[in-house]
Amino acid sequence: MEHYNIEADETWTGQRIDKVLAGYFEEISRSFLQKLFEDGYVLANQKQVKPSYKVESGDILDIRIPDPVNIEILPENIPLDIVYEDADIVVVNKPKGMVVHPSPGHYSGTLVNGLMYHCKESLSTINGVLRPGIVHRIDMDTTGLLVVCKNDHAHKAISEQLSVHSITRKYEAIVFDNILEDHGTISEPIGRHPQDRKKMAINYKNGRNAVTHYQVRKRFHNRYTMVECELETGRTHQIRVHMASIHHPILGDTVYGPKKQPFSLQGQTLHAGVLGFIHPTTGNYVEFHADLPAYFKNLITKLEQ
């Protein structure tokens, strides 16, 4: 069971504790959080509280999260585009439509299922049975690179680099309308959307620091812009939320952009093309590149015409 002891920030004063925790624990669903309250796993100042409890600055919040129910995740012979592999890490170029790790509704066909078949027993165990080897992830409809760890030593080393924002992560994206400036930085906190718990949003009260640097690669007439986005932090849906916040949502993104999208795209046009980090064993900086997927290249051709 995971145990969290959190001192309430003054910015949380007067807010419902369920909303505070939903912003703090981005990965926890609303229904799972509700069950934590029902089972008595949420305390404020050593007393069990209801979701409606209003937080005060200095409150000591005690949250216990039970270990997940054991669900058998099976290896599957899924073709993987492996860019690099050694005894410590696997760098994979993930295709569009593939979920990274099992979750409710996605217990097969995920990257983890394929990795379990490919790597056998050689995957780090730090993130448990549902996410073996996984230290970071990209969205289902985002393509591109992510590193998977084969052992706990490598996992800890990569996690530390993620925590201090030293990993190089560059994404290619096509956004609506022309961005006038050639480059820029978006520094806005991201947290759970206050009304729609399935979405993220710019959230000044409960959000966490998030920084995205972008650079224009190409402008297509007056309608679209291709940009390279480099992550300084790695929040859920960070690039999608940040680009939408400056009124340039990513083409194909029906969550943060228009519901009606042109070109019959399957989700956002976002590709993790560059990934660089210090190798956990050699101590050398390594960098990997993945070409744009075919759908992205075809889209560029259409936009150029």
C-alpha atoms as a PDB file:
ATOM      1  CA  MET A   1       0.000   0.000   0.000  1.00  0.00           C
ATOM      2  CA  GLU A   2       1.323   3.451  -0.948  1.00  0.00           C
ATOM      3  CA  HIS A   3       1.234   6.066   1.817  1.00  0.00           C
ATOM      4  CA  TYR A   4       1.265   9.842   1.237  1.00  0.00           C
ATOM      5  CA  ASN A   5       1.610  12.495   3.929  1.00  0.00           C
ATOM      6  CA  ILE A   6       0.938  15.963   2.518  1.00  0.00           C
ATOM      7  CA  GLU A   7       0.886  19.356   4.207  1.00  0.00           C
ATOM      8  CA  ALA A   8      -1.864  21.467   2.641  1.00  0.00           C
ATOM      9  CA  ASP A   9      -0.669  24.465   0.676  1.00  0.00           C
ATOM     10  CA  GLU A  10      -2.258  27.855   1.413  1.00  0.00           C
ATOM     11  CA  THR A  11      -3.594  27.940  -2.154  1.00  0.00           C
ATOM     12  CA  TRP A  12      -5.817  24.970  -1.240  1.00  0.00           C
ATOM     13  CA  THR A  13      -7.598  26.839   1.587  1.00  0.00           C
ATOM     14  CA  GLY A  14     -11.370  26.551   1.299  1.00  0.00           C
ATOM     15  CA  GLN A  15     -11.334  23.939  -1.451  1.00  0.00           C
ATOM     16  CA  ARG A  16     -12.998  20.543  -1.222  1.00  0.00           C
ATOM     17  CA  ILE A  17     -10.480  17.850  -0.404  1.00  0.00           C
ATOM     18  CA  ASP A  18     -11.642  15.605  -3.268  1.00  0.00           C
ATOM     19  CA  LYS A  19     -10.865  18.367  -5.775  1.00  0.00           C
ATOM     20  CA  VAL A  20      -7.494  19.038  -4.178  1.00  0.00           C
ATOM     21  CA  LEU A  21      -6.507  15.373  -4.340  1.00  0.00           C
ATOM     22  CA  ALA A  22      -7.795  14.987  -7.902  1.00  0.00           C
ATOM     23  CA  GLY A  23      -5.388  17.733  -8.934  1.00  0.00           C
ATOM     24  CA  TYR A  24      -2.530  16.339  -6.864  1.00  0.00           C
ATOM     25  CA  PHE A  25      -2.879  12.736  -8.054  1.00  0.00           C
ATOM     26  CA  GLU A  26      -3.267  13.150 -11.811  1.00  0.00           C
ATOM     27  CA  GLU A  27      -3.311   9.400 -12.469  1.00  0.00           C
ATOM     28  CA  ILE A  28      -6.191   8.580 -10.107  1.00  0.00           C
ATOM     29  CA  SER A  29      -9.675   8.407 -11.584  1.00  0.00           C
ATOM     30  CA  ARG A  30     -12.608  10.135  -9.909  1.00  0.00           C
ATOM     31  CA  SER A  31     -14.304   6.821  -9.118  1.00  0.00           C
ATOM     32  CA  PHE A  32     -11.139   5.364  -7.562  1.00  0.00           C
ATOM     33  CA  LEU A  33     -10.676   8.497  -5.450  1.00  0.00           C
ATOM     34  CA  GLN A  34     -14.292   8.240  -4.277  1.00  0.00           C
ATOM     35  CA  LYS A  35     -13.641   4.661  -3.169  1.00  0.00           C
ATOM     36  CA  LEU A  36     -10.620   5.801  -1.137  1.00  0.00           C
ATOM     37  CA  PHE A  37     -12.938   8.081   0.845  1.00  0.00           C
ATOM     38  CA  GLU A  38     -15.531   5.323   1.265  1.00  0.00           C
ATOM     39  CA  ASP A  39     -12.904   2.871   2.531  1.00  0.00           C
ATOM     40  CA  GLY A  40     -11.488   5.369   5.043  1.00  0.00           C
ATOM     41  CA  TYR A  41      -8.154   5.816   3.321  1.00  0.00           C
ATOM     42  CA  VAL A  42      -8.264   9.640   3.365  1.00  0.00           C
ATOM     43  CA  LEU A  43      -7.529  11.452   6.631  1.00  0.00           C
ATOM     44  CA  ALA A  44      -7.103  15.114   7.508  1.00  0.00           C
ATOM     45  CA  ASN A  45      -5.267  15.801  10.755  1.00  0.00           C
ATOM     46  CA  GLN A  46      -5.587  12.100  11.655  1.00  0.00           C
ATOM     47  CA  LYS A  47      -9.378  12.107  11.243  1.00  0.00           C
ATOM     48  CA  GLN A  48     -11.352  10.397   8.497  1.00  0.00           C
ATOM     49  CA  VAL A  49     -13.034  12.991   6.283  1.00  0.00           C
ATOM     50  CA  LYS A  50     -15.667  13.136   3.554  1.00  0.00           C
ATOM     51  CA  PRO A  51     -15.016  14.358  -0.008  1.00  0.00           C
ATOM     52  CA  SER A  52     -16.752  17.653   0.874  1.00  0.00           C
ATOM     53  CA  TYR A  53     -14.258  18.474   3.645  1.00  0.00           C
ATOM     54  CA  LYS A  54     -12.864  22.009   3.155  1.00  0.00           C
ATOM     55  CA  VAL A  55      -9.089  22.073   3.350  1.00  0.00           C
ATOM     56  CA  GLU A  56      -7.276  24.613   5.531  1.00  0.00           C
ATOM     57  CA  SER A  57      -3.680  25.754   5.096  1.00  0.00           C
ATOM     58  CA  GLY A  58      -1.398  23.566   7.198  1.00  0.00           C
ATOM     59  CA  ASP A  59      -3.760  20.582   7.299  1.00  0.00           C
ATOM     60  CA  ILE A  60      -1.895  17.291   7.317  1.00  0.00           C
ATOM     61  CA  LEU A  61      -3.504  15.069   4.695  1.00  0.00           C
ATOM     62  CA  ASP A  62      -2.903  11.356   5.040  1.00  0.00           C
ATOM     63  CA  ILE A  63      -3.762   9.298   1.953  1.00  0.00           C
ATOM     64  CA  ARG A  64      -3.303   5.565   1.574  1.00  0.00           C
ATOM     65  CA  ILE A  65      -3.626   3.955  -1.827  1.00  0.00           C
ATOM     66  CA  PRO A  66      -4.087   0.166  -1.795  1.00  0.00           C
ATOM     67  CA  ASP A  67      -2.016  -1.982  -4.107  1.00  0.00           C
ATOM     68  CA  PRO A  68      -3.876  -2.765  -7.334  1.00  0.00           C
ATOM     69  CA  VAL A  69      -5.845  -5.978  -7.524  1.00  0.00           C
ATOM     70  CA  ASN A  70      -3.746  -8.604  -9.230  1.00  0.00           C
ATOM     71  CA  ILE A  71      -4.815  -8.842 -12.847  1.00  0.00           C
ATOM     72  CA  GLU A  72      -2.995 -11.295 -15.052  1.00  0.00           C
ATOM     73  CA  ILE A  73      -1.251  -9.367 -17.802  1.00  0.00           C
ATOM     74  CA  LEU A  74      -0.173 -11.770 -20.518  1.00  0.00           C
ATOM     75  CA  PRO A  75       2.741 -11.519 -22.945  1.00  0.00           C
ATOM     76  CA  GLU A  76       1.593 -11.009 -26.538  1.00  0.00           C
ATOM     77  CA  ASN A  77       3.540 -11.419 -29.744  1.00  0.00           C
ATOM     78  CA  ILE A  78       2.981  -7.852 -30.932  1.00  0.00           C
ATOM     79  CA  PRO A  79       5.396  -6.445 -33.533  1.00  0.00           C
ATOM     80  CA  LEU A  80       7.457  -3.663 -31.938  1.00  0.00           C
ATOM     81  CA  ASP A  81       9.565  -1.019 -33.680  1.00  0.00           C
ATOM     82  CA  ILE A  82      12.667  -1.234 -31.489  1.00  0.00           C
ATOM     83  CA  VAL A  83      15.099   1.596 -32.163  1.00  0.00           C
ATOM     84  CA  TYR A  84      17.734   0.473 -29.649  1.00  0.00           C
ATOM     85  CA  GLU A  85      18.206  -2.255 -27.066  1.00  0.00           C
ATOM     86  CA  ASP A  86      20.857  -3.398 -24.614  1.00  0.00           C
ATOM     87  CA  ALA A  87      20.973  -5.127 -21.229  1.00  0.00           C
ATOM     88  CA  ASP A  88      19.488  -2.087 -19.451  1.00  0.00           C
ATOM     89  CA  ILE A  89      17.034  -0.319 -21.752  1.00  0.00           C
ATOM     90  CA  VAL A  90      14.787  -0.656 -24.775  1.00  0.00           C
ATOM     91  CA  VAL A  91      13.926   2.398 -26.865  1.00  0.00           C
ATOM     92  CA  VAL A  92      10.659   1.856 -28.743  1.00  0.00           C
ATOM     93  CA  ASN A  93       8.980   3.842 -31.516  1.00  0.00           C
ATOM     94  CA  LYS A  94       5.322   3.527 -30.516  1.00  0.00           C
ATOM     95  CA  PRO A  95       2.657   3.530 -33.256  1.00  0.00           C
ATOM     96  CA  LYS A  96      -0.572   5.525 -33.221  1.00  0.00           C
ATOM     97  CA  GLY A  97      -3.458   3.840 -31.434  1.00  0.00           C
ATOM     98  CA  MET A  98      -1.353   1.743 -29.036  1.00  0.00           C
ATOM     99  CA  VAL A  99      -1.849   2.189 -25.283  1.00  0.00           C
ATOM    100  CA  VAL A 100       1.426   2.126 -23.325  1.00  0.00           C
ATOM    101  CA  HIS A 101       0.358   0.050 -20.319  1.00  0.00           C
ATOM    102  CA  PRO A 102      -2.733  -1.903 -19.220  1.00  0.00           C
ATOM    103  CA  SER A 103      -5.566   0.072 -17.645  1.00  0.00           C
ATOM    104  CA  PRO A 104      -9.327  -0.427 -17.276  1.00  0.00           C
ATOM    105  CA  GLY A 105     -10.617  -1.275 -20.725  1.00  0.00           C
ATOM    106  CA  HIS A 106      -7.124  -1.921 -22.093  1.00  0.00           C
ATOM    107  CA  TYR A 107      -5.719  -5.135 -20.673  1.00  0.00           C
ATOM    108  CA  SER A 108      -4.381  -6.505 -23.948  1.00  0.00           C
ATOM    109  CA  GLY A 109      -2.731  -5.155 -27.067  1.00  0.00           C
ATOM    110  CA  THR A 110      -0.695  -2.634 -25.081  1.00  0.00           C
ATOM    111  CA  LEU A 111       3.003  -1.856 -25.402  1.00  0.00           C
ATOM    112  CA  VAL A 112       3.578  -3.634 -22.091  1.00  0.00           C
ATOM    113  CA  ASN A 113       1.967  -6.841 -23.431  1.00  0.00           C
ATOM    114  CA  GLY A 114       4.359  -6.739 -26.376  1.00  0.00           C
ATOM    115  CA  LEU A 115       7.373  -5.944 -24.196  1.00  0.00           C
ATOM    116  CA  MET A 116       6.599  -8.837 -21.859  1.00  0.00           C
ATOM    117  CA  TYR A 117       6.777 -11.188 -24.844  1.00  0.00           C
ATOM    118  CA  HIS A 118       9.916  -9.567 -26.247  1.00  0.00           C
ATOM    119  CA  CYS A 119      11.867  -9.105 -23.002  1.00  0.00           C
ATOM    120  CA  LYS A 120      10.570 -12.175 -21.137  1.00  0.00           C
ATOM    121  CA  GLU A 121      11.335 -11.608 -17.441  1.00  0.00           C
ATOM    122  CA  SER A 122      13.742  -8.724 -18.061  1.00  0.00           C
ATOM    123  CA  LEU A 123      11.691  -5.647 -17.122  1.00  0.00           C
ATOM    124  CA  SER A 124      12.002  -3.406 -14.081  1.00  0.00           C
ATOM    125  CA  THR A 125       9.509  -4.055 -11.289  1.00  0.00           C
ATOM    126  CA  ILE A 126       9.331  -0.609  -9.641  1.00  0.00           C
ATOM    127  CA  ASN A 127       6.004   0.358 -11.213  1.00  0.00           C
ATOM    128  CA  GLY A 128       4.291  -2.931 -10.416  1.00  0.00           C
ATOM    129  CA  VAL A 129       2.665  -5.645 -12.488  1.00  0.00           C
ATOM    130  CA  LEU A 130       0.604  -3.321 -14.699  1.00  0.00           C
ATOM    131  CA  ARG A 131       3.526  -1.120 -15.748  1.00  0.00           C
ATOM    132  CA  PRO A 132       6.707  -3.230 -15.773  1.00  0.00           C
ATOM    133  CA  GLY A 133       9.611  -1.295 -17.257  1.00  0.00           C
ATOM    134  CA  ILE A 134       7.577   1.867 -17.812  1.00  0.00           C
ATOM    135  CA  VAL A 135       9.168   5.098 -16.531  1.00  0.00           C
ATOM    136  CA  HIS A 136       7.287   7.558 -18.748  1.00  0.00           C
ATOM    137  CA  ARG A 137       4.568   7.307 -21.342  1.00  0.00           C
ATOM    138  CA  ILE A 138       2.977   9.000 -24.317  1.00  0.00           C
ATOM    139  CA  ASP A 139      -0.711   9.184 -25.183  1.00  0.00           C
ATOM    140  CA  MET A 140      -2.437   6.438 -27.160  1.00  0.00           C
ATOM    141  CA  ASP A 141      -2.703   8.526 -30.345  1.00  0.00           C
ATOM    142  CA  THR A 142       0.738  10.124 -29.992  1.00  0.00           C
ATOM    143  CA  THR A 143       3.473   8.342 -31.896  1.00  0.00           C
ATOM    144  CA  GLY A 144       7.185   8.122 -31.238  1.00  0.00           C
ATOM    145  CA  LEU A 145       9.926   7.327 -28.789  1.00  0.00           C
ATOM    146  CA  LEU A 146       9.907   6.194 -25.207  1.00  0.00           C
ATOM    147  CA  VAL A 147      12.506   4.369 -23.141  1.00  0.00           C
ATOM    148  CA  VAL A 148      11.664   1.205 -21.236  1.00  0.00           C
ATOM    149  CA  CYS A 149      13.891  -0.111 -18.434  1.00  0.00           C
ATOM    150  CA  LYS A 150      14.910  -3.753 -18.114  1.00  0.00           C
ATOM    151  CA  ASN A 151      16.052  -3.558 -14.499  1.00  0.00           C
ATOM    152  CA  ASP A 152      15.441  -1.495 -11.376  1.00  0.00           C
ATOM    153  CA  HIS A 153      18.883   0.155 -11.514  1.00  0.00           C
ATOM    154  CA  ALA A 154      18.134   1.589 -14.940  1.00  0.00           C
ATOM    155  CA  HIS A 155      14.608   2.547 -13.877  1.00  0.00           C
ATOM    156  CA  LYS A 156      15.867   4.580 -10.908  1.00  0.00           C
ATOM    157  CA  ALA A 157      18.523   6.300 -13.021  1.00  0.00           C
ATOM    158  CA  ILE A 158      16.045   7.351 -15.733  1.00  0.00           C
ATOM    159  CA  SER A 159      13.430   8.371 -13.151  1.00  0.00           C
ATOM    160  CA  GLU A 160      15.943  10.672 -11.465  1.00  0.00           C
ATOM    161  CA  GLN A 161      16.679  12.350 -14.797  1.00  0.00           C
ATOM    162  CA  LEU A 162      12.968  12.820 -15.397  1.00  0.00           C
ATOM    163  CA  SER A 163      12.520  14.368 -11.963  1.00  0.00           C
ATOM    164  CA  VAL A 164      15.214  16.999 -12.587  1.00  0.00           C
ATOM    165  CA  HIS A 165      14.033  17.625 -16.165  1.00  0.00           C
ATOM    166  CA  SER A 166      17.379  16.699 -17.739  1.00  0.00           C
ATOM    167  CA  ILE A 167      15.990  14.349 -20.400  1.00  0.00           C
ATOM    168  CA  THR A 168      15.724  15.666 -23.960  1.00  0.00           C
ATOM    169  CA  ARG A 169      12.210  15.188 -25.355  1.00  0.00           C
ATOM    170  CA  LYS A 170      11.285  16.873 -28.615  1.00  0.00           C
ATOM    171  CA  TYR A 171       7.954  16.463 -30.404  1.00  0.00           C
ATOM    172  CA  GLU A 172       6.729  17.418 -33.860  1.00  0.00           C
ATOM    173  CA  ALA A 173       3.164  18.722 -34.078  1.00  0.00           C
ATOM    174  CA  ILE A 174       0.849  20.468 -36.503  1.00  0.00           C
ATOM    175  CA  VAL A 175      -1.376  23.108 -34.951  1.00  0.00           C
ATOM    176  CA  PHE A 176      -4.288  25.223 -36.139  1.00  0.00           C
ATOM    177  CA  ASP A 177      -3.596  28.647 -37.657  1.00  0.00           C
ATOM    178  CA  ASN A 178      -0.272  30.365 -38.210  1.00  0.00           C
ATOM    179  CA  ILE A 179       1.876  31.121 -35.185  1.00  0.00           C
ATOM    180  CA  LEU A 180       3.303  34.573 -35.841  1.00  0.00           C
ATOM    181  CA  GLU A 181       6.447  34.369 -33.691  1.00  0.00           C
ATOM    182  CA  ASP A 182       9.195  31.926 -34.695  1.00  0.00           C
ATOM    183  CA  HIS A 183       9.645  30.525 -31.190  1.00  0.00           C
ATOM    184  CA  GLY A 184       8.343  30.866 -27.667  1.00  0.00           C
ATOM    185  CA  THR A 185       7.920  29.337 -24.217  1.00  0.00           C
ATOM    186  CA  ILE A 186       4.685  28.426 -22.454  1.00  0.00           C
ATOM    187  CA  SER A 187       5.014  28.298 -18.678  1.00  0.00           C
ATOM    188  CA  GLU A 188       1.589  27.561 -17.197  1.00  0.00           C
ATOM    189  CA  PRO A 189       0.675  25.081 -14.433  1.00  0.00           C
ATOM    190  CA  ILE A 190      -1.288  22.017 -15.504  1.00  0.00           C
ATOM    191  CA  GLY A 191      -3.734  20.063 -13.358  1.00  0.00           C
ATOM    192  CA  ARG A 192      -7.012  18.209 -13.584  1.00  0.00           C
ATOM    193  CA  HIS A 193      -9.815  20.179 -15.270  1.00  0.00           C
ATOM    194  CA  PRO A 194     -12.152  21.448 -12.506  1.00  0.00           C
ATOM    195  CA  GLN A 195     -15.342  20.439 -14.353  1.00  0.00           C
ATOM    196  CA  ASP A 196     -14.243  17.545 -16.577  1.00  0.00           C
ATOM    197  CA  ARG A 197     -12.082  15.096 -14.630  1.00  0.00           C
ATOM    198  CA  LYS A 198     -11.045  13.260 -17.804  1.00  0.00           C
ATOM    199  CA  LYS A 199      -9.262  16.350 -19.097  1.00  0.00           C
ATOM    200  CA  MET A 200      -6.285  18.386 -17.998  1.00  0.00           C
ATOM    201  CA  ALA A 201      -6.235  22.189 -17.990  1.00  0.00           C
ATOM    202  CA  ILE A 202      -4.277  25.278 -17.050  1.00  0.00           C
ATOM    203  CA  ASN A 203      -4.919  25.169 -13.322  1.00  0.00           C
ATOM    204  CA  TYR A 204      -3.439  27.864 -11.102  1.00  0.00           C
ATOM    205  CA  LYS A 205      -4.894  26.513  -7.870  1.00  0.00           C
ATOM    206  CA  ASN A 206      -4.108  22.807  -8.089  1.00  0.00           C
ATOM    207  CA  GLY A 207      -1.822  22.558 -11.103  1.00  0.00           C
ATOM    208  CA  ARG A 208       1.845  21.611 -11.192  1.00  0.00           C
ATOM    209  CA  ASN A 209       4.601  23.606 -12.871  1.00  0.00           C
ATOM    210  CA  ALA A 210       4.744  22.898 -16.620  1.00  0.00           C
ATOM    211  CA  VAL A 211       7.059  24.397 -19.245  1.00  0.00           C
ATOM    212  CA  THR A 212       6.995  23.818 -23.016  1.00  0.00           C
ATOM    213  CA  HIS A 213       9.368  25.442 -25.518  1.00  0.00           C
ATOM    214  CA  TYR A 214       8.210  25.613 -29.144  1.00  0.00           C
ATOM    215  CA  GLN A 215       9.806  26.534 -32.435  1.00  0.00           C
ATOM    216  CA  VAL A 216       8.073  27.005 -35.779  1.00  0.00           C
ATOM    217  CA  ARG A 217       9.227  24.543 -38.447  1.00  0.00           C
ATOM    218  CA  LYS A 218       6.887  25.475 -41.274  1.00  0.00           C
ATOM    219  CA  ARG A 219       3.777  27.525 -41.934  1.00  0.00           C
ATOM    220  CA  PHE A 220       1.136  26.178 -44.304  1.00  0.00           C
ATOM    221  CA  HIS A 221      -0.572  29.132 -46.007  1.00  0.00           C
ATOM    222  CA  ASN A 222      -2.624  30.839 -43.264  1.00  0.00           C
ATOM    223  CA  ARG A 223      -4.248  27.792 -41.740  1.00  0.00           C
ATOM    224  CA  TYR A 224      -1.739  25.489 -40.021  1.00  0.00           C
ATOM    225  CA  THR A 225       1.761  25.545 -38.510  1.00  0.00           C
ATOM    226  CA  MET A 226       4.237  22.727 -37.953  1.00  0.00           C
ATOM    227  CA  VAL A 227       6.135  23.182 -34.694  1.00  0.00           C
ATOM    228  CA  GLU A 228       8.781  21.401 -32.677  1.00  0.00           C
ATOM    229  CA  CYS A 229       7.900  21.316 -28.981  1.00  0.00           C
ATOM    230  CA  GLU A 230      10.529  20.538 -26.374  1.00  0.00           C
ATOM    231  CA  LEU A 231       9.396  19.466 -22.926  1.00  0.00           C
ATOM    232  CA  GLU A 232      11.098  20.918 -19.887  1.00  0.00           C
ATOM    233  CA  THR A 233       8.579  19.167 -17.628  1.00  0.00           C
ATOM    234  CA  GLY A 234       6.356  16.180 -18.381  1.00  0.00           C
ATOM    235  CA  ARG A 235       2.773  16.647 -17.252  1.00  0.00           C
ATOM    236  CA  THR A 236      -0.164  14.649 -18.586  1.00  0.00           C
ATOM    237  CA  HIS A 237      -1.250  16.029 -22.005  1.00  0.00           C
ATOM    238  CA  GLN A 238       1.230  18.883 -21.528  1.00  0.00           C
ATOM    239  CA  ILE A 239       1.856  19.863 -25.161  1.00  0.00           C
ATOM    240  CA  ARG A 240      -1.813  19.446 -26.073  1.00  0.00           C
ATOM    241  CA  VAL A 241      -2.986  21.654 -23.188  1.00  0.00           C
ATOM    242  CA  HIS A 242      -0.270  24.263 -23.649  1.00  0.00           C
ATOM    243  CA  MET A 243      -0.746  24.697 -27.397  1.00  0.00           C
ATOM    244  CA  ALA A 244      -4.513  24.965 -26.922  1.00  0.00           C
ATOM    245  CA  SER A 245      -3.928  27.588 -24.223  1.00  0.00           C
ATOM    246  CA  ILE A 246      -2.292  29.912 -26.763  1.00  0.00           C
ATOM    247  CA  HIS A 247      -5.169  29.299 -29.211  1.00  0.00           C
ATOM    248  CA  HIS A 248      -3.243  26.894 -31.436  1.00  0.00           C
ATOM    249  CA  PRO A 249      -4.673  23.451 -30.583  1.00  0.00           C
ATOM    250  CA  ILE A 250      -3.071  20.440 -32.223  1.00  0.00           C
ATOM    251  CA  LEU A 251      -4.662  19.305 -35.457  1.00  0.00           C
ATOM    252  CA  GLY A 252      -6.723  16.161 -34.866  1.00  0.00           C
ATOM    253  CA  ASP A 253      -7.124  16.729 -31.125  1.00  0.00           C
ATOM    254  CA  THR A 254     -10.866  16.612 -30.423  1.00  0.00           C
ATOM    255  CA  VAL A 255     -10.323  16.842 -26.637  1.00  0.00           C
ATOM    256  CA  TYR A 256      -8.539  20.200 -26.549  1.00  0.00           C
ATOM    257  CA  GLY A 257      -9.390  21.427 -30.035  1.00  0.00           C
ATOM    258  CA  PRO A 258     -12.475  21.585 -32.272  1.00  0.00           C
ATOM    259  CA  LYS A 259     -14.831  18.597 -32.113  1.00  0.00           C
ATOM    260  CA  LYS A 260     -15.050  18.589 -35.912  1.00  0.00           C
ATOM    261  CA  GLN A 261     -11.625  17.993 -37.409  1.00  0.00           C
ATOM    262  CA  PRO A 262     -10.481  18.035 -41.047  1.00  0.00           C
ATOM    263  CA  PHE A 263      -8.550  15.256 -42.833  1.00  0.00           C
ATOM    264  CA  SER A 264     -10.243  12.354 -40.950  1.00  0.00           C
ATOM    265  CA  LEU A 265      -7.349  12.061 -38.510  1.00  0.00           C
ATOM    266  CA  GLN A 266      -7.200   9.506 -35.701  1.00  0.00           C
ATOM    267  CA  GLY A 267      -6.308  11.746 -32.794  1.00  0.00           C
ATOM    268  CA  GLN A 268      -3.703  14.480 -32.449  1.00  0.00           C
ATOM    269  CA  THR A 269      -0.848  14.971 -34.939  1.00  0.00           C
ATOM    270  CA  LEU A 270       1.889  14.668 -32.336  1.00  0.00           C
ATOM    271  CA  HIS A 271       5.117  12.694 -32.700  1.00  0.00           C
ATOM    272  CA  ALA A 272       7.882  12.165 -30.125  1.00  0.00           C
ATOM    273  CA  GLY A 273      10.789  12.357 -32.548  1.00  0.00           C
ATOM    274  CA  VAL A 274      13.826  12.931 -30.300  1.00  0.00           C
ATOM    275  CA  LEU A 275      14.705  11.299 -26.976  1.00  0.00           C
ATOM    276  CA  GLY A 276      18.022  11.808 -25.199  1.00  0.00           C
ATOM    277  CA  PHE A 277      19.350  10.937 -21.738  1.00  0.00           C
ATOM    278  CA  ILE A 278      22.380   9.757 -19.771  1.00  0.00           C
ATOM    279  CA  HIS A 279      22.724   6.003 -20.161  1.00  0.00           C
ATOM    280  CA  PRO A 280      22.192   4.384 -16.737  1.00  0.00           C
ATOM    281  CA  THR A 281      25.292   2.165 -16.977  1.00  0.00           C
ATOM    282  CA  THR A 282      27.806   3.844 -19.292  1.00  0.00           C
ATOM    283  CA  GLY A 283      27.167   7.381 -18.045  1.00  0.00           C
ATOM    284  CA  ASN A 284      27.310   8.641 -21.636  1.00  0.00           C
ATOM    285  CA  TYR A 285      24.657  10.853 -23.206  1.00  0.00           C
ATOM    286  CA  VAL A 286      22.675   8.965 -25.849  1.00  0.00           C
ATOM    287  CA  GLU A 287      20.106  10.400 -28.240  1.00  0.00           C
ATOM    288  CA  PHE A 288      17.602   8.635 -30.472  1.00  0.00           C
ATOM    289  CA  HIS A 289      15.545   9.834 -33.422  1.00  0.00           C
ATOM    290  CA  ALA A 290      12.365   8.494 -35.021  1.00  0.00           C
ATOM    291  CA  ASP A 291      11.155   9.565 -38.447  1.00  0.00           C
ATOM    292  CA  LEU A 292       7.679  11.001 -38.820  1.00  0.00           C
ATOM    293  CA  PRO A 293       5.071   8.266 -39.348  1.00  0.00           C
ATOM    294  CA  ALA A 294       3.548   7.845 -42.798  1.00  0.00           C
ATOM    295  CA  TYR A 295       0.227   9.511 -41.919  1.00  0.00           C
ATOM    296  CA  PHE A 296       2.106  12.613 -40.715  1.00  0.00           C
ATOM    297  CA  LYS A 297       4.202  12.817 -43.899  1.00  0.00           C
ATOM    298  CA  ASN A 298       1.098  12.385 -46.065  1.00  0.00           C
ATOM    299  CA  LEU A 299      -0.640  15.155 -44.148  1.00  0.00           C
ATOM    300  CA  ILE A 300       2.299  17.498 -44.726  1.00  0.00           C
ATOM    301  CA  THR A 301       2.056  16.788 -48.441  1.00  0.00           C
ATOM    302  CA  LYS A 302      -1.652  17.677 -48.434  1.00  0.00           C
ATOM    303  CA  LEU A 303      -1.041  20.880 -46.506  1.00  0.00           C
ATOM    304  CA  GLU A 304       1.730  21.937 -48.890  1.00  0.00           C
ATOM    305  CA  GLN A 305      -0.666  21.567 -51.811  1.00  0.00           C
END
